[in-house]
C-alpha cells in the first residue's frame, strides 16, 4: 500500500512523501533517527550525508568518514 502512495506522490507535482520517524516492532515503539541532546527527546535531528543537524537550535554532529 505504501508503494502505491509513493507512486501516486511522484505523479502529483508539489506533493511530498511523509517521512516515518518511528518503527513498530511488536508492541514496542523505537525511533529511527537521533534526537537532539540540547533540545530533548521530542526534537529529531536531520540526517545529512556528512552530518546530523538539529533544525531548532542548529546543533550539529559530524559523521566520521
PDB file of N, CA and C in Angstrom:
ATOM      1  N   UNK A   1       0.816  -1.180   0.000  1.00  0.00           N
ATOM      2  CA  UNK A   1       0.000   0.000   0.000  1.00  0.00           C
ATOM      3  C   UNK A   1       0.870   1.258   0.000  1.00  0.00           C
ATOM      4  N   UNK A   2       2.017   1.219   0.704  1.00  0.00           N
ATOM      5  CA  UNK A   2       2.922   2.363   0.723  1.00  0.00           C
ATOM      6  C   UNK A   2       3.527   2.597  -0.651  1.00  0.00           C
ATOM      7  N   UNK A   3       3.694   1.527  -1.420  1.00  0.00           N
ATOM      8  CA  UNK A   3       4.243   1.655  -2.763  1.00  0.00           C
ATOM      9  C   UNK A   3       3.282   2.426  -3.671  1.00  0.00           C
ATOM     10  N   UNK A   4       1.993   2.180  -3.510  1.00  0.00           N
ATOM     11  CA  UNK A   4       1.001   2.896  -4.307  1.00  0.00           C
ATOM     12  C   UNK A   4       1.001   4.381  -3.956  1.00  0.00           C
ATOM     13  N   UNK A   5       1.111   4.688  -2.658  1.00  0.00           N
ATOM     14  CA  UNK A   5       1.137   6.082  -2.227  1.00  0.00           C
ATOM     15  C   UNK A   5       2.391   6.782  -2.740  1.00  0.00           C
ATOM     16  N   UNK A   6       3.518   6.083  -2.733  1.00  0.00           N
ATOM     17  CA  UNK A   6       4.758   6.671  -3.224  1.00  0.00           C
ATOM     18  C   UNK A   6       4.672   6.920  -4.725  1.00  0.00           C
ATOM     19  N   UNK A   7       4.103   5.982  -5.460  1.00  0.00           N
ATOM     20  CA  UNK A   7       3.954   6.146  -6.903  1.00  0.00           C
ATOM     21  C   UNK A   7       2.994   7.286  -7.220  1.00  0.00           C
ATOM     22  N   UNK A   8       1.928   7.402  -6.443  1.00  0.00           N
ATOM     23  CA  UNK A   8       0.951   8.461  -6.659  1.00  0.00           C
ATOM     24  C   UNK A   8       1.558   9.828  -6.342  1.00  0.00           C
ATOM     25  N   UNK A   9       2.374   9.907  -5.279  1.00  0.00           N
ATOM     26  CA  UNK A   9       3.004  11.172  -4.908  1.00  0.00           C
ATOM     27  C   UNK A   9       4.004  11.616  -5.968  1.00  0.00           C
ATOM     28  N   UNK A  10       4.668  10.668  -6.618  1.00  0.00           N
ATOM     29  CA  UNK A  10       5.606  11.019  -7.675  1.00  0.00           C
ATOM     30  C   UNK A  10       4.872  11.593  -8.876  1.00  0.00           C
ATOM     31  N   UNK A  11       3.656  11.141  -9.115  1.00  0.00           N
ATOM     32  CA  UNK A  11       2.881  11.613 -10.251  1.00  0.00           C
ATOM     33  C   UNK A  11       2.342  13.025 -10.022  1.00  0.00           C
ATOM     34  N   UNK A  12       1.993  13.353  -8.783  1.00  0.00           N
ATOM     35  CA  UNK A  12       1.407  14.656  -8.485  1.00  0.00           C
ATOM     36  C   UNK A  12       2.511  15.651  -8.128  1.00  0.00           C
ATOM     37  N   UNK A  13       2.700  16.688  -8.936  1.00  0.00           N
ATOM     38  CA  UNK A  13       3.734  17.676  -8.612  1.00  0.00           C
ATOM     39  C   UNK A  13       3.359  18.484  -7.375  1.00  0.00           C
ATOM     40  N   UNK A  14       4.345  18.784  -6.551  1.00  0.00           N
ATOM     41  CA  UNK A  14       4.105  19.590  -5.364  1.00  0.00           C
ATOM     42  C   UNK A  14       3.714  18.794  -4.134  1.00  0.00           C
ATOM     43  N   UNK A  15       3.494  17.493  -4.257  1.00  0.00           N
ATOM     44  CA  UNK A  15       3.113  16.680  -3.108  1.00  0.00           C
ATOM     45  C   UNK A  15       4.334  15.904  -2.623  1.00  0.00           C
ATOM     46  N   UNK A  16       4.614  15.999  -1.324  1.00  0.00           N
ATOM     47  CA  UNK A  16       5.791  15.347  -0.752  1.00  0.00           C
ATOM     48  C   UNK A  16       5.395  14.057  -0.046  1.00  0.00           C
ATOM     49  N   UNK A  17       6.340  13.136   0.047  1.00  0.00           N
ATOM     50  CA  UNK A  17       6.122  11.895   0.789  1.00  0.00           C
ATOM     51  C   UNK A  17       6.264  12.163   2.274  1.00  0.00           C
ATOM     52  N   UNK A  18       5.501  11.468   3.082  1.00  0.00           N
ATOM     53  CA  UNK A  18       5.547  11.628   4.523  1.00  0.00           C
ATOM     54  C   UNK A  18       6.644  10.730   5.095  1.00  0.00           C
ATOM     55  N   UNK A  19       7.548  11.299   5.858  1.00  0.00           N
ATOM     56  CA  UNK A  19       8.631  10.531   6.460  1.00  0.00           C
ATOM     57  C   UNK A  19       8.140   9.865   7.738  1.00  0.00           C
ATOM     58  N   UNK A  20       8.520   8.631   7.940  1.00  0.00           N
ATOM     59  CA  UNK A  20       8.168   7.933   9.170  1.00  0.00           C
ATOM     60  C   UNK A  20       9.341   8.030  10.130  1.00  0.00           C
ATOM     61  N   UNK A  21       9.100   8.538  11.323  1.00  0.00           N
ATOM     62  CA  UNK A  21      10.150   8.745  12.306  1.00  0.00           C
ATOM     63  C   UNK A  21      10.229   7.616  13.327  1.00  0.00           C
ATOM     64  N   UNK A  22       9.220   6.759  13.357  1.00  0.00           N
ATOM     65  CA  UNK A  22       9.170   5.675  14.327  1.00  0.00           C
ATOM     66  C   UNK A  22       9.054   4.331  13.624  1.00  0.00           C
ATOM     67  N   UNK A  23       9.489   3.279  14.318  1.00  0.00           N
ATOM     68  CA  UNK A  23       9.387   1.925  13.807  1.00  0.00           C
ATOM     69  C   UNK A  23       8.681   1.071  14.869  1.00  0.00           C
ATOM     70  N   UNK A  24       7.693   0.315  14.457  1.00  0.00           N
ATOM     71  CA  UNK A  24       6.920  -0.517  15.374  1.00  0.00           C
ATOM     72  C   UNK A  24       7.386  -1.957  15.254  1.00  0.00           C
ATOM     73  N   UNK A  25       7.808  -2.525  16.389  1.00  0.00           N
ATOM     74  CA  UNK A  25       8.205  -3.932  16.444  1.00  0.00           C
ATOM     75  C   UNK A  25       7.388  -4.591  17.550  1.00  0.00           C
ATOM     76  N   UNK A  26       6.398  -5.365  17.152  1.00  0.00           N
ATOM     77  CA  UNK A  26       5.514  -5.995  18.137  1.00  0.00           C
ATOM     78  C   UNK A  26       4.722  -4.920  18.860  1.00  0.00           C
ATOM     79  N   UNK A  27       4.920  -4.833  20.167  1.00  0.00           N
ATOM     80  CA  UNK A  27       4.240  -3.811  20.963  1.00  0.00           C
ATOM     81  C   UNK A  27       5.167  -2.677  21.379  1.00  0.00           C
ATOM     82  N   UNK A  28       6.412  -2.693  20.889  1.00  0.00           N
ATOM     83  CA  UNK A  28       7.354  -1.635  21.248  1.00  0.00           C
ATOM     84  C   UNK A  28       7.501  -0.634  20.106  1.00  0.00           C
ATOM     85  N   UNK A  29       7.823   0.583  20.470  1.00  0.00           N
ATOM     86  CA  UNK A  29       7.985   1.673  19.522  1.00  0.00           C
ATOM     87  C   UNK A  29       9.404   2.200  19.653  1.00  0.00           C
ATOM     88  N   UNK A  30      10.134   2.296  18.539  1.00  0.00           N
ATOM     89  CA  UNK A  30      11.501   2.801  18.585  1.00  0.00           C
ATOM     90  C   UNK A  30      11.677   3.902  17.547  1.00  0.00           C
ATOM     91  N   UNK A  31      12.620   4.800  17.805  1.00  0.00           N
ATOM     92  CA  UNK A  31      12.899   5.913  16.895  1.00  0.00           C
ATOM     93  C   UNK A  31      13.858   5.470  15.803  1.00  0.00           C
ATOM     94  N   UNK A  32      13.678   6.015  14.613  1.00  0.00           N
ATOM     95  CA  UNK A  32      14.585   5.716  13.510  1.00  0.00           C
ATOM     96  C   UNK A  32      15.747   6.700  13.458  1.00  0.00           C
ATOM     97  N   UNK A  33      15.535   7.944  13.863  1.00  0.00           N
ATOM     98  CA  UNK A  33      16.575   8.962  13.807  1.00  0.00           C
ATOM     99  C   UNK A  33      16.969   9.402  15.201  1.00  0.00           C
ATOM    100  N   UNK A  34      18.039  10.161  15.283  1.00  0.00           N
ATOM    101  CA  UNK A  34      18.531  10.645  16.571  1.00  0.00           C
ATOM    102  C   UNK A  34      17.679  11.797  17.088  1.00  0.00           C
ATOM    103  N   UNK A  35      17.714  11.994  18.388  1.00  0.00           N
ATOM    104  CA  UNK A  35      17.072  13.167  18.972  1.00  0.00           C
ATOM    105  C   UNK A  35      18.173  14.135  19.399  1.00  0.00           C
ATOM    106  N   UNK A  36      17.850  15.400  19.481  1.00  0.00           N
ATOM    107  CA  UNK A  36      18.825  16.433  19.806  1.00  0.00           C
ATOM    108  C   UNK A  36      19.189  16.371  21.294  1.00  0.00           C
ATOM    109  N   UNK A  37      20.485  16.328  21.631  1.00  0.00           N
ATOM    110  CA  UNK A  37      20.866  16.293  23.041  1.00  0.00           C
ATOM    111  C   UNK A  37      20.622  17.610  23.764  1.00  0.00           C
ATOM    112  N   UNK A  38      20.585  18.730  23.051  1.00  0.00           N
ATOM    113  CA  UNK A  38      20.334  20.030  23.682  1.00  0.00           C
ATOM    114  C   UNK A  38      18.841  20.286  23.889  1.00  0.00           C
ATOM    115  N   UNK A  39      18.033  19.984  22.870  1.00  0.00           N
ATOM    116  CA  UNK A  39      16.594  20.302  22.904  1.00  0.00           C
ATOM    117  C   UNK A  39      15.780  19.248  23.655  1.00  0.00           C
ATOM    118  N   UNK A  40      16.222  18.018  23.670  1.00  0.00           N
ATOM    119  CA  UNK A  40      15.492  16.979  24.370  1.00  0.00           C
ATOM    120  C   UNK A  40      14.932  15.926  23.442  1.00  0.00           C
ATOM    121  N   UNK A  41      14.141  15.024  24.008  1.00  0.00           N
ATOM    122  CA  UNK A  41      13.664  13.862  23.293  1.00  0.00           C
ATOM    123  C   UNK A  41      12.622  14.113  22.225  1.00  0.00           C
ATOM    124  N   UNK A  42      11.954  15.229  22.225  1.00  0.00           N
ATOM    125  CA  UNK A  42      10.896  15.481  21.263  1.00  0.00           C
ATOM    126  C   UNK A  42      11.358  16.086  19.948  1.00  0.00           C
ATOM    127  N   UNK A  43      12.628  16.468  19.866  1.00  0.00           N
ATOM    128  CA  UNK A  43      13.153  17.127  18.670  1.00  0.00           C
ATOM    129  C   UNK A  43      14.102  16.162  17.957  1.00  0.00           C
ATOM    130  N   UNK A  44      13.822  15.904  16.680  1.00  0.00           N
ATOM    131  CA  UNK A  44      14.640  14.990  15.896  1.00  0.00           C
ATOM    132  C   UNK A  44      15.719  15.751  15.138  1.00  0.00           C
ATOM    133  N   UNK A  45      16.816  15.062  14.866  1.00  0.00           N
ATOM    134  CA  UNK A  45      17.901  15.644  14.085  1.00  0.00           C
ATOM    135  C   UNK A  45      17.814  15.130  12.654  1.00  0.00           C
ATOM    136  N   UNK A  46      18.078  16.001  11.698  1.00  0.00           N
ATOM    137  CA  UNK A  46      18.059  15.631  10.288  1.00  0.00           C
ATOM    138  C   UNK A  46      19.339  14.878   9.955  1.00  0.00           C
ATOM    139  N   UNK A  47      19.212  13.814   9.175  1.00  0.00           N
ATOM    140  CA  UNK A  47      20.365  13.010   8.776  1.00  0.00           C
ATOM    141  C   UNK A  47      20.807  13.433   7.380  1.00  0.00           C
ATOM    142  N   UNK A  48      21.946  14.110   7.303  1.00  0.00           N
ATOM    143  CA  UNK A  48      22.526  14.512   6.037  1.00  0.00           C
ATOM    144  C   UNK A  48      23.630  13.531   5.668  1.00  0.00           C
ATOM    145  N   UNK A  49      24.256  13.723   4.531  1.00  0.00           N
ATOM    146  CA  UNK A  49      25.294  12.810   4.058  1.00  0.00           C
ATOM    147  C   UNK A  49      26.507  12.795   5.000  1.00  0.00           C
ATOM    148  N   UNK A  50      26.910  13.957   5.503  1.00  0.00           N
ATOM    149  CA  UNK A  50      28.116  14.048   6.313  1.00  0.00           C
ATOM    150  C   UNK A  50      27.884  14.520   7.746  1.00  0.00           C
ATOM    151  N   UNK A  51      26.614  14.717   8.144  1.00  0.00           N
ATOM    152  CA  UNK A  51      26.351  15.251   9.479  1.00  0.00           C
ATOM    153  C   UNK A  51      24.909  14.983   9.921  1.00  0.00           C
ATOM    154  N   UNK A  52      24.667  15.149  11.232  1.00  0.00           N
ATOM    155  CA  UNK A  52      23.327  15.179  11.807  1.00  0.00           C
ATOM    156  C   UNK A  52      23.124  16.605  12.301  1.00  0.00           C
ATOM    157  N   UNK A  53      21.971  17.213  12.003  1.00  0.00           N
ATOM    158  CA  UNK A  53      21.740  18.605  12.366  1.00  0.00           C
ATOM    159  C   UNK A  53      20.354  18.784  12.972  1.00  0.00           C
ATOM    160  N   UNK A  54      20.283  19.631  14.001  1.00  0.00           N
ATOM    161  CA  UNK A  54      19.014  19.982  14.630  1.00  0.00           C
ATOM    162  C   UNK A  54      18.489  21.242  13.967  1.00  0.00           C
ATOM    163  N   UNK A  55      17.232  21.240  13.564  1.00  0.00           N
ATOM    164  CA  UNK A  55      16.639  22.396  12.914  1.00  0.00           C
ATOM    165  C   UNK A  55      16.201  23.473  13.880  1.00  0.00           C
ATOM    166  N   UNK A  56      16.093  23.131  15.149  1.00  0.00           N
ATOM    167  CA  UNK A  56      15.614  24.100  16.136  1.00  0.00           C
ATOM    168  C   UNK A  56      16.754  24.940  16.718  1.00  0.00           C
ATOM    169  N   UNK A  57      17.832  24.283  17.164  1.00  0.00           N
ATOM    170  CA  UNK A  57      18.919  25.005  17.835  1.00  0.00           C
ATOM    171  C   UNK A  57      20.206  25.022  17.028  1.00  0.00           C
ATOM    172  N   UNK A  58      20.241  24.384  15.862  1.00  0.00           N
ATOM    173  CA  UNK A  58      21.396  24.325  14.949  1.00  0.00           C
ATOM    174  C   UNK A  58      22.562  23.506  15.503  1.00  0.00           C
ATOM    175  N   UNK A  59      22.313  22.644  16.469  1.00  0.00           N
ATOM    176  CA  UNK A  59      23.352  21.741  16.964  1.00  0.00           C
ATOM    177  C   UNK A  59      23.709  20.757  15.845  1.00  0.00           C
ATOM    178  N   UNK A  60      25.010  20.507  15.621  1.00  0.00           N
ATOM    179  CA  UNK A  60      25.462  19.660  14.536  1.00  0.00           C
ATOM    180  C   UNK A  60      26.484  18.651  15.035  1.00  0.00           C
ATOM    181  N   UNK A  61      26.335  17.412  14.633  1.00  0.00           N
ATOM    182  CA  UNK A  61      27.308  16.354  14.878  1.00  0.00           C
ATOM    183  C   UNK A  61      27.778  15.851  13.525  1.00  0.00           C
ATOM    184  N   UNK A  62      29.090  15.847  13.294  1.00  0.00           N
ATOM    185  CA  UNK A  62      29.631  15.411  12.024  1.00  0.00           C
ATOM    186  C   UNK A  62      29.883  13.911  12.063  1.00  0.00           C
ATOM    187  N   UNK A  63      29.621  13.254  10.938  1.00  0.00           N
ATOM    188  CA  UNK A  63      29.875  11.816  10.808  1.00  0.00           C
ATOM    189  C   UNK A  63      31.336  11.588  10.484  1.00  0.00           C
ATOM    190  N   UNK A  64      31.872  10.490  10.988  1.00  0.00           N
ATOM    191  CA  UNK A  64      33.251  10.124  10.672  1.00  0.00           C
ATOM    192  C   UNK A  64      33.245   9.309   9.400  1.00  0.00           C
ATOM    193  N   UNK A  65      34.020   9.742   8.430  1.00  0.00           N
ATOM    194  CA  UNK A  65      34.036   9.089   7.119  1.00  0.00           C
ATOM    195  C   UNK A  65      35.128   8.063   7.037  1.00  0.00           C
TER     196      UNK A  65
END
